[in-house]
Amino acid sequence: MEADEQIIEFLREELRSIKPALPRDWPLAAHFKQDLNLDSLDLVELVARIEQRYELMIPDADLPGFTSLEALHAYIVERVSA
């Protein structure tokens, strides 16, 4: 399994490729919608990239829990190590 830093950097890079105006670095707890102005389509695109990278099937019911890098990182670690 990838190290925590690698997962977080992957998520940051993918989010910046989806939304180039994002800063280079932001707090792990920054809220995707409120702090980073990401919309639901941005998050769907990110989820598709996560599914491809980590060979996961992420149910739509899990999407509301993806509110920050912190939450998404914890979800990936839990699912990949299961």
PDB file of N, CA and C in Angstrom:
ATOM      1  N   MET A   1       0.827  -1.183   0.000  1.00  0.00           N
ATOM      2  CA  MET A   1       0.000   0.000   0.000  1.00  0.00           C
ATOM      3  C   MET A   1       0.876   1.253   0.000  1.00  0.00           C
ATOM      4  N   GLU A   2       0.385   2.273  -0.648  1.00  0.00           N
ATOM      5  CA  GLU A   2       1.120   3.527  -0.700  1.00  0.00           C
ATOM      6  C   GLU A   2       1.217   4.172   0.681  1.00  0.00           C
ATOM      7  N   ALA A   3       2.258   4.935   0.870  1.00  0.00           N
ATOM      8  CA  ALA A   3       2.414   5.695   2.112  1.00  0.00           C
ATOM      9  C   ALA A   3       1.370   6.810   2.148  1.00  0.00           C
ATOM     10  N   ASP A   4       1.045   7.241   3.351  1.00  0.00           N
ATOM     11  CA  ASP A   4       0.056   8.299   3.518  1.00  0.00           C
ATOM     12  C   ASP A   4       0.373   9.528   2.677  1.00  0.00           C
ATOM     13  N   GLU A   5       1.623   9.956   2.675  1.00  0.00           N
ATOM     14  CA  GLU A   5       2.019  11.149   1.925  1.00  0.00           C
ATOM     15  C   GLU A   5       1.772  10.969   0.431  1.00  0.00           C
ATOM     16  N   GLN A   6       1.999   9.753  -0.078  1.00  0.00           N
ATOM     17  CA  GLN A   6       1.779   9.494  -1.504  1.00  0.00           C
ATOM     18  C   GLN A   6       0.297   9.570  -1.857  1.00  0.00           C
ATOM     19  N   ILE A   7      -0.543   9.064  -1.002  1.00  0.00           N
ATOM     20  CA  ILE A   7      -1.983   9.126  -1.241  1.00  0.00           C
ATOM     21  C   ILE A   7      -2.443  10.576  -1.239  1.00  0.00           C
ATOM     22  N   ILE A   8      -2.006  11.333  -0.249  1.00  0.00           N
ATOM     23  CA  ILE A   8      -2.406  12.736  -0.162  1.00  0.00           C
ATOM     24  C   ILE A   8      -1.888  13.515  -1.355  1.00  0.00           C
ATOM     25  N   GLU A   9      -0.663  13.277  -1.763  1.00  0.00           N
ATOM     26  CA  GLU A   9      -0.120  13.987  -2.926  1.00  0.00           C
ATOM     27  C   GLU A   9      -0.876  13.602  -4.200  1.00  0.00           C
ATOM     28  N   PHE A  10      -1.224  12.332  -4.345  1.00  0.00           N
ATOM     29  CA  PHE A  10      -2.046  11.906  -5.487  1.00  0.00           C
ATOM     30  C   PHE A  10      -3.357  12.688  -5.507  1.00  0.00           C
ATOM     31  N   LEU A  11      -4.028  12.764  -4.352  1.00  0.00           N
ATOM     32  CA  LEU A  11      -5.303  13.481  -4.279  1.00  0.00           C
ATOM     33  C   LEU A  11      -5.125  14.957  -4.615  1.00  0.00           C
ATOM     34  N   ARG A  12      -4.085  15.581  -4.086  1.00  0.00           N
ATOM     35  CA  ARG A  12      -3.829  17.001  -4.384  1.00  0.00           C
ATOM     36  C   ARG A  12      -3.587  17.213  -5.876  1.00  0.00           C
ATOM     37  N   GLU A  13      -2.757  16.358  -6.480  1.00  0.00           N
ATOM     38  CA  GLU A  13      -2.451  16.488  -7.911  1.00  0.00           C
ATOM     39  C   GLU A  13      -3.699  16.312  -8.759  1.00  0.00           C
ATOM     40  N   GLU A  14      -4.497  15.320  -8.423  1.00  0.00           N
ATOM     41  CA  GLU A  14      -5.717  15.080  -9.203  1.00  0.00           C
ATOM     42  C   GLU A  14      -6.694  16.247  -9.055  1.00  0.00           C
ATOM     43  N   LEU A  15      -6.833  16.757  -7.846  1.00  0.00           N
ATOM     44  CA  LEU A  15      -7.723  17.900  -7.650  1.00  0.00           C
ATOM     45  C   LEU A  15      -7.224  19.130  -8.401  1.00  0.00           C
ATOM     46  N   ARG A  16      -5.915  19.356  -8.412  1.00  0.00           N
ATOM     47  CA  ARG A  16      -5.365  20.495  -9.161  1.00  0.00           C
ATOM     48  C   ARG A  16      -5.539  20.311 -10.659  1.00  0.00           C
ATOM     49  N   SER A  17      -5.517  19.073 -11.143  1.00  0.00           N
ATOM     50  CA  SER A  17      -5.729  18.868 -12.576  1.00  0.00           C
ATOM     51  C   SER A  17      -7.201  19.078 -12.942  1.00  0.00           C
ATOM     52  N   ILE A  18      -8.092  18.813 -11.991  1.00  0.00           N
ATOM     53  CA  ILE A  18      -9.519  19.051 -12.206  1.00  0.00           C
ATOM     54  C   ILE A  18      -9.829  20.541 -12.062  1.00  0.00           C
ATOM     55  N   LYS A  19      -9.229  21.171 -11.073  1.00  0.00           N
ATOM     56  CA  LYS A  19      -9.469  22.582 -10.742  1.00  0.00           C
ATOM     57  C   LYS A  19      -8.112  23.280 -10.641  1.00  0.00           C
ATOM     58  N   PRO A  20      -7.531  23.710 -11.777  1.00  0.00           N
ATOM     59  CA  PRO A  20      -6.175  24.280 -11.775  1.00  0.00           C
ATOM     60  C   PRO A  20      -5.966  25.490 -10.872  1.00  0.00           C
ATOM     61  N   ALA A  21      -7.026  26.201 -10.517  1.00  0.00           N
ATOM     62  CA  ALA A  21      -6.881  27.397  -9.685  1.00  0.00           C
ATOM     63  C   ALA A  21      -6.622  27.077  -8.211  1.00  0.00           C
ATOM     64  N   LEU A  22      -6.694  25.806  -7.841  1.00  0.00           N
ATOM     65  CA  LEU A  22      -6.446  25.445  -6.441  1.00  0.00           C
ATOM     66  C   LEU A  22      -5.010  25.778  -6.051  1.00  0.00           C
ATOM     67  N   PRO A  23      -4.803  26.158  -4.791  1.00  0.00           N
ATOM     68  CA  PRO A  23      -3.433  26.430  -4.337  1.00  0.00           C
ATOM     69  C   PRO A  23      -2.584  25.157  -4.361  1.00  0.00           C
ATOM     70  N   ARG A  24      -1.304  25.336  -4.334  1.00  0.00           N
ATOM     71  CA  ARG A  24      -0.381  24.191  -4.361  1.00  0.00           C
ATOM     72  C   ARG A  24      -0.558  23.315  -3.128  1.00  0.00           C
ATOM     73  N   ASP A  25      -0.876  23.920  -2.010  1.00  0.00           N
ATOM     74  CA  ASP A  25      -1.010  23.191  -0.752  1.00  0.00           C
ATOM     75  C   ASP A  25      -2.173  23.803   0.017  1.00  0.00           C
ATOM     76  N   TRP A  26      -2.917  22.989   0.710  1.00  0.00           N
ATOM     77  CA  TRP A  26      -4.000  23.478   1.566  1.00  0.00           C
ATOM     78  C   TRP A  26      -4.169  22.497   2.708  1.00  0.00           C
ATOM     79  N   PRO A  27      -4.779  22.940   3.808  1.00  0.00           N
ATOM     80  CA  PRO A  27      -4.915  22.069   4.983  1.00  0.00           C
ATOM     81  C   PRO A  27      -5.728  20.814   4.676  1.00  0.00           C
ATOM     82  N   LEU A  28      -5.362  19.723   5.292  1.00  0.00           N
ATOM     83  CA  LEU A  28      -6.067  18.463   5.063  1.00  0.00           C
ATOM     84  C   LEU A  28      -7.535  18.553   5.458  1.00  0.00           C
ATOM     85  N   ALA A  29      -7.849  19.405   6.411  1.00  0.00           N
ATOM     86  CA  ALA A  29      -9.226  19.527   6.882  1.00  0.00           C
ATOM     87  C   ALA A  29     -10.050  20.543   6.085  1.00  0.00           C
ATOM     88  N   ALA A  30      -9.444  21.203   5.091  1.00  0.00           N
ATOM     89  CA  ALA A  30     -10.185  22.184   4.285  1.00  0.00           C
ATOM     90  C   ALA A  30     -11.377  21.501   3.620  1.00  0.00           C
ATOM     91  N   HIS A  31     -12.531  22.115   3.759  1.00  0.00           N
ATOM     92  CA  HIS A  31     -13.764  21.561   3.204  1.00  0.00           C
ATOM     93  C   HIS A  31     -13.778  21.769   1.689  1.00  0.00           C
ATOM     94  N   PHE A  32     -14.041  20.692   0.949  1.00  0.00           N
ATOM     95  CA  PHE A  32     -14.005  20.762  -0.512  1.00  0.00           C
ATOM     96  C   PHE A  32     -14.933  21.839  -1.070  1.00  0.00           C
ATOM     97  N   LYS A  33     -16.175  21.864  -0.623  1.00  0.00           N
ATOM     98  CA  LYS A  33     -17.142  22.821  -1.187  1.00  0.00           C
ATOM     99  C   LYS A  33     -16.980  24.212  -0.589  1.00  0.00           C
ATOM    100  N   GLN A  34     -16.936  24.311   0.719  1.00  0.00           N
ATOM    101  CA  GLN A  34     -16.912  25.622   1.364  1.00  0.00           C
ATOM    102  C   GLN A  34     -15.574  26.338   1.247  1.00  0.00           C
ATOM    103  N   ASP A  35     -14.474  25.615   1.408  1.00  0.00           N
ATOM    104  CA  ASP A  35     -13.158  26.252   1.404  1.00  0.00           C
ATOM    105  C   ASP A  35     -12.483  26.253   0.033  1.00  0.00           C
ATOM    106  N   LEU A  36     -12.707  25.205  -0.755  1.00  0.00           N
ATOM    107  CA  LEU A  36     -12.010  25.069  -2.036  1.00  0.00           C
ATOM    108  C   LEU A  36     -12.913  25.293  -3.250  1.00  0.00           C
ATOM    109  N   ASN A  37     -14.192  25.536  -2.999  1.00  0.00           N
ATOM    110  CA  ASN A  37     -15.162  25.816  -4.069  1.00  0.00           C
ATOM    111  C   ASN A  37     -15.267  24.710  -5.114  1.00  0.00           C
ATOM    112  N   LEU A  38     -15.163  23.462  -4.676  1.00  0.00           N
ATOM    113  CA  LEU A  38     -15.357  22.339  -5.585  1.00  0.00           C
ATOM    114  C   LEU A  38     -16.845  22.037  -5.661  1.00  0.00           C
ATOM    115  N   ASP A  39     -17.301  21.652  -6.842  1.00  0.00           N
ATOM    116  CA  ASP A  39     -18.714  21.292  -6.979  1.00  0.00           C
ATOM    117  C   ASP A  39     -18.844  19.773  -7.094  1.00  0.00           C
ATOM    118  N   SER A  40     -20.062  19.305  -7.191  1.00  0.00           N
ATOM    119  CA  SER A  40     -20.302  17.858  -7.199  1.00  0.00           C
ATOM    120  C   SER A  40     -19.677  17.187  -8.421  1.00  0.00           C
ATOM    121  N   LEU A  41     -19.633  17.866  -9.558  1.00  0.00           N
ATOM    122  CA  LEU A  41     -18.992  17.275 -10.742  1.00  0.00           C
ATOM    123  C   LEU A  41     -17.491  17.107 -10.534  1.00  0.00           C
ATOM    124  N   ASP A  42     -16.865  18.071  -9.860  1.00  0.00           N
ATOM    125  CA  ASP A  42     -15.438  17.951  -9.545  1.00  0.00           C
ATOM    126  C   ASP A  42     -15.193  16.710  -8.685  1.00  0.00           C
ATOM    127  N   LEU A  43     -16.060  16.503  -7.703  1.00  0.00           N
ATOM    128  CA  LEU A  43     -15.889  15.359  -6.804  1.00  0.00           C
ATOM    129  C   LEU A  43     -16.155  14.036  -7.517  1.00  0.00           C
ATOM    130  N   VAL A  44     -17.129  14.023  -8.423  1.00  0.00           N
ATOM    131  CA  VAL A  44     -17.398  12.800  -9.196  1.00  0.00           C
ATOM    132  C   VAL A  44     -16.182  12.455 -10.055  1.00  0.00           C
ATOM    133  N   GLU A  45     -15.580  13.464 -10.664  1.00  0.00           N
ATOM    134  CA  GLU A  45     -14.369  13.239 -11.460  1.00  0.00           C
ATOM    135  C   GLU A  45     -13.240  12.704 -10.585  1.00  0.00           C
ATOM    136  N   LEU A  46     -13.077  13.265  -9.411  1.00  0.00           N
ATOM    137  CA  LEU A  46     -12.042  12.793  -8.492  1.00  0.00           C
ATOM    138  C   LEU A  46     -12.296  11.345  -8.085  1.00  0.00           C
ATOM    139  N   VAL A  47     -13.520  11.013  -7.782  1.00  0.00           N
ATOM    140  CA  VAL A  47     -13.865   9.643  -7.393  1.00  0.00           C
ATOM    141  C   VAL A  47     -13.550   8.667  -8.526  1.00  0.00           C
ATOM    142  N   ALA A  48     -13.839   9.044  -9.753  1.00  0.00           N
ATOM    143  CA  ALA A  48     -13.521   8.178 -10.893  1.00  0.00           C
ATOM    144  C   ALA A  48     -12.017   7.914 -10.977  1.00  0.00           C
ATOM    145  N   ARG A  49     -11.227   8.935 -10.722  1.00  0.00           N
ATOM    146  CA  ARG A  49      -9.771   8.779 -10.758  1.00  0.00           C
ATOM    147  C   ARG A  49      -9.273   7.910  -9.604  1.00  0.00           C
ATOM    148  N   ILE A  50      -9.898   8.058  -8.435  1.00  0.00           N
ATOM    149  CA  ILE A  50      -9.539   7.220  -7.282  1.00  0.00           C
ATOM    150  C   ILE A  50      -9.885   5.765  -7.575  1.00  0.00           C
ATOM    151  N   GLU A  51     -11.061   5.535  -8.121  1.00  0.00           N
ATOM    152  CA  GLU A  51     -11.475   4.162  -8.445  1.00  0.00           C
ATOM    153  C   GLU A  51     -10.487   3.514  -9.409  1.00  0.00           C
ATOM    154  N   GLN A  52     -10.056   4.267 -10.403  1.00  0.00           N
ATOM    155  CA  GLN A  52      -9.109   3.724 -11.374  1.00  0.00           C
ATOM    156  C   GLN A  52      -7.753   3.451 -10.736  1.00  0.00           C
ATOM    157  N   ARG A  53      -7.239   4.393  -9.976  1.00  0.00           N
ATOM    158  CA  ARG A  53      -5.903   4.261  -9.378  1.00  0.00           C
ATOM    159  C   ARG A  53      -5.837   3.113  -8.365  1.00  0.00           C
ATOM    160  N   TYR A  54      -6.873   3.017  -7.521  1.00  0.00           N
ATOM    161  CA  TYR A  54      -6.837   2.048  -6.427  1.00  0.00           C
ATOM    162  C   TYR A  54      -7.712   0.822  -6.682  1.00  0.00           C
ATOM    163  N   GLU A  55      -8.253   0.717  -7.894  1.00  0.00           N
ATOM    164  CA  GLU A  55      -9.086  -0.420  -8.285  1.00  0.00           C
ATOM    165  C   GLU A  55     -10.202  -0.658  -7.270  1.00  0.00           C
ATOM    166  N   LEU A  56     -10.928   0.414  -6.971  1.00  0.00           N
ATOM    167  CA  LEU A  56     -12.045   0.362  -6.036  1.00  0.00           C
ATOM    168  C   LEU A  56     -13.350   0.632  -6.774  1.00  0.00           C
ATOM    169  N   MET A  57     -14.427   0.143  -6.218  1.00  0.00           N
ATOM    170  CA  MET A  57     -15.767   0.539  -6.644  1.00  0.00           C
ATOM    171  C   MET A  57     -16.351   1.314  -5.474  1.00  0.00           C
ATOM    172  N   ILE A  58     -16.529   2.611  -5.660  1.00  0.00           N
ATOM    173  CA  ILE A  58     -17.017   3.459  -4.575  1.00  0.00           C
ATOM    174  C   ILE A  58     -18.511   3.687  -4.779  1.00  0.00           C
ATOM    175  N   PRO A  59     -19.338   3.229  -3.845  1.00  0.00           N
ATOM    176  CA  PRO A  59     -20.785   3.410  -3.978  1.00  0.00           C
ATOM    177  C   PRO A  59     -21.173   4.889  -3.871  1.00  0.00           C
ATOM    178  N   ASP A  60     -22.187   5.281  -4.627  1.00  0.00           N
ATOM    179  CA  ASP A  60     -22.681   6.660  -4.577  1.00  0.00           C
ATOM    180  C   ASP A  60     -23.056   7.067  -3.160  1.00  0.00           C
ATOM    181  N   ALA A  61     -23.512   6.133  -2.365  1.00  0.00           N
ATOM    182  CA  ALA A  61     -23.920   6.437  -0.984  1.00  0.00           C
ATOM    183  C   ALA A  61     -22.754   6.933  -0.132  1.00  0.00           C
ATOM    184  N   ASP A  62     -21.514   6.644  -0.542  1.00  0.00           N
ATOM    185  CA  ASP A  62     -20.345   7.071   0.219  1.00  0.00           C
ATOM    186  C   ASP A  62     -19.914   8.506  -0.110  1.00  0.00           C
ATOM    187  N   LEU A  63     -20.372   9.036  -1.239  1.00  0.00           N
ATOM    188  CA  LEU A  63     -19.910  10.346  -1.702  1.00  0.00           C
ATOM    189  C   LEU A  63     -20.147  11.491  -0.713  1.00  0.00           C
ATOM    190  N   PRO A  64     -21.279  11.553  -0.005  1.00  0.00           N
ATOM    191  CA  PRO A  64     -21.467  12.669   0.936  1.00  0.00           C
ATOM    192  C   PRO A  64     -20.402  12.740   2.033  1.00  0.00           C
ATOM    193  N   GLY A  65     -19.723  11.660   2.308  1.00  0.00           N
ATOM    194  CA  GLY A  65     -18.672  11.660   3.328  1.00  0.00           C
ATOM    195  C   GLY A  65     -17.350  12.228   2.846  1.00  0.00           C
ATOM    196  N   PHE A  66     -17.243  12.475   1.545  1.00  0.00           N
ATOM    197  CA  PHE A  66     -16.000  12.998   0.971  1.00  0.00           C
ATOM    198  C   PHE A  66     -16.013  14.522   1.043  1.00  0.00           C
ATOM    199  N   THR A  67     -15.689  15.045   2.201  1.00  0.00           N
ATOM    200  CA  THR A  67     -15.779  16.482   2.431  1.00  0.00           C
ATOM    201  C   THR A  67     -14.422  17.185   2.474  1.00  0.00           C
ATOM    202  N   SER A  68     -13.347  16.406   2.613  1.00  0.00           N
ATOM    203  CA  SER A  68     -12.005  16.992   2.730  1.00  0.00           C
ATOM    204  C   SER A  68     -10.965  15.947   2.331  1.00  0.00           C
ATOM    205  N   LEU A  69      -9.723  16.405   2.160  1.00  0.00           N
ATOM    206  CA  LEU A  69      -8.627  15.466   1.900  1.00  0.00           C
ATOM    207  C   LEU A  69      -8.497  14.478   3.049  1.00  0.00           C
ATOM    208  N   GLU A  70      -8.670  14.975   4.243  1.00  0.00           N
ATOM    209  CA  GLU A  70      -8.571  14.151   5.441  1.00  0.00           C
ATOM    210  C   GLU A  70      -9.575  12.993   5.388  1.00  0.00           C
ATOM    211  N   ALA A  71     -10.820  13.309   5.074  1.00  0.00           N
ATOM    212  CA  ALA A  71     -11.873  12.293   5.006  1.00  0.00           C
ATOM    213  C   ALA A  71     -11.628  11.315   3.857  1.00  0.00           C
ATOM    214  N   LEU A  72     -11.215  11.846   2.725  1.00  0.00           N
ATOM    215  CA  LEU A  72     -10.974  10.999   1.562  1.00  0.00           C
ATOM    216  C   LEU A  72      -9.776  10.083   1.785  1.00  0.00           C
ATOM    217  N   HIS A  73      -8.735  10.614   2.383  1.00  0.00           N
ATOM    218  CA  HIS A  73      -7.548   9.810   2.692  1.00  0.00           C
ATOM    219  C   HIS A  73      -7.925   8.651   3.614  1.00  0.00           C
ATOM    220  N   ALA A  74      -8.671   8.939   4.677  1.00  0.00           N
ATOM    221  CA  ALA A  74      -9.075   7.896   5.623  1.00  0.00           C
ATOM    222  C   ALA A  74      -9.909   6.822   4.923  1.00  0.00           C
ATOM    223  N   TYR A  75     -10.783   7.240   4.035  1.00  0.00           N
ATOM    224  CA  TYR A  75     -11.632   6.300   3.292  1.00  0.00           C
ATOM    225  C   TYR A  75     -10.768   5.378   2.426  1.00  0.00           C
ATOM    226  N   ILE A  76      -9.824   5.944   1.689  1.00  0.00           N
ATOM    227  CA  ILE A  76      -8.968   5.149   0.809  1.00  0.00           C
ATOM    228  C   ILE A  76      -8.145   4.160   1.623  1.00  0.00           C
ATOM    229  N   VAL A  77      -7.532   4.622   2.694  1.00  0.00           N
ATOM    230  CA  VAL A  77      -6.707   3.736   3.536  1.00  0.00           C
ATOM    231  C   VAL A  77      -7.545   2.582   4.052  1.00  0.00           C
ATOM    232  N   GLU A  78      -8.736   2.875   4.531  1.00  0.00           N
ATOM    233  CA  GLU A  78      -9.610   1.832   5.056  1.00  0.00           C
ATOM    234  C   GLU A  78     -10.000   0.826   3.977  1.00  0.00           C
ATOM    235  N   ARG A  79     -10.374   1.308   2.812  1.00  0.00           N
ATOM    236  CA  ARG A  79     -10.823   0.419   1.741  1.00  0.00           C
ATOM    237  C   ARG A  79      -9.686  -0.389   1.125  1.00  0.00           C
ATOM    238  N   VAL A  80      -8.527   0.216   0.947  1.00  0.00           N
ATOM    239  CA  VAL A  80      -7.404  -0.473   0.311  1.00  0.00           C
ATOM    240  C   VAL A  80      -6.811  -1.521   1.245  1.00  0.00           C
ATOM    241  N   SER A  81      -6.795  -1.238   2.536  1.00  0.00           N
ATOM    242  CA  SER A  81      -6.204  -2.193   3.470  1.00  0.00           C
ATOM    243  C   SER A  81      -7.184  -3.283   3.887  1.00  0.00           C
ATOM    244  N   ALA A  82      -8.449  -3.168   3.506  1.00  0.00           N
ATOM    245  CA  ALA A  82      -9.448  -4.189   3.879  1.00  0.00           C
ATOM    246  C   ALA A  82      -9.303  -5.459   3.051  1.00  0.00           C
TER     247      ALA A  82
END
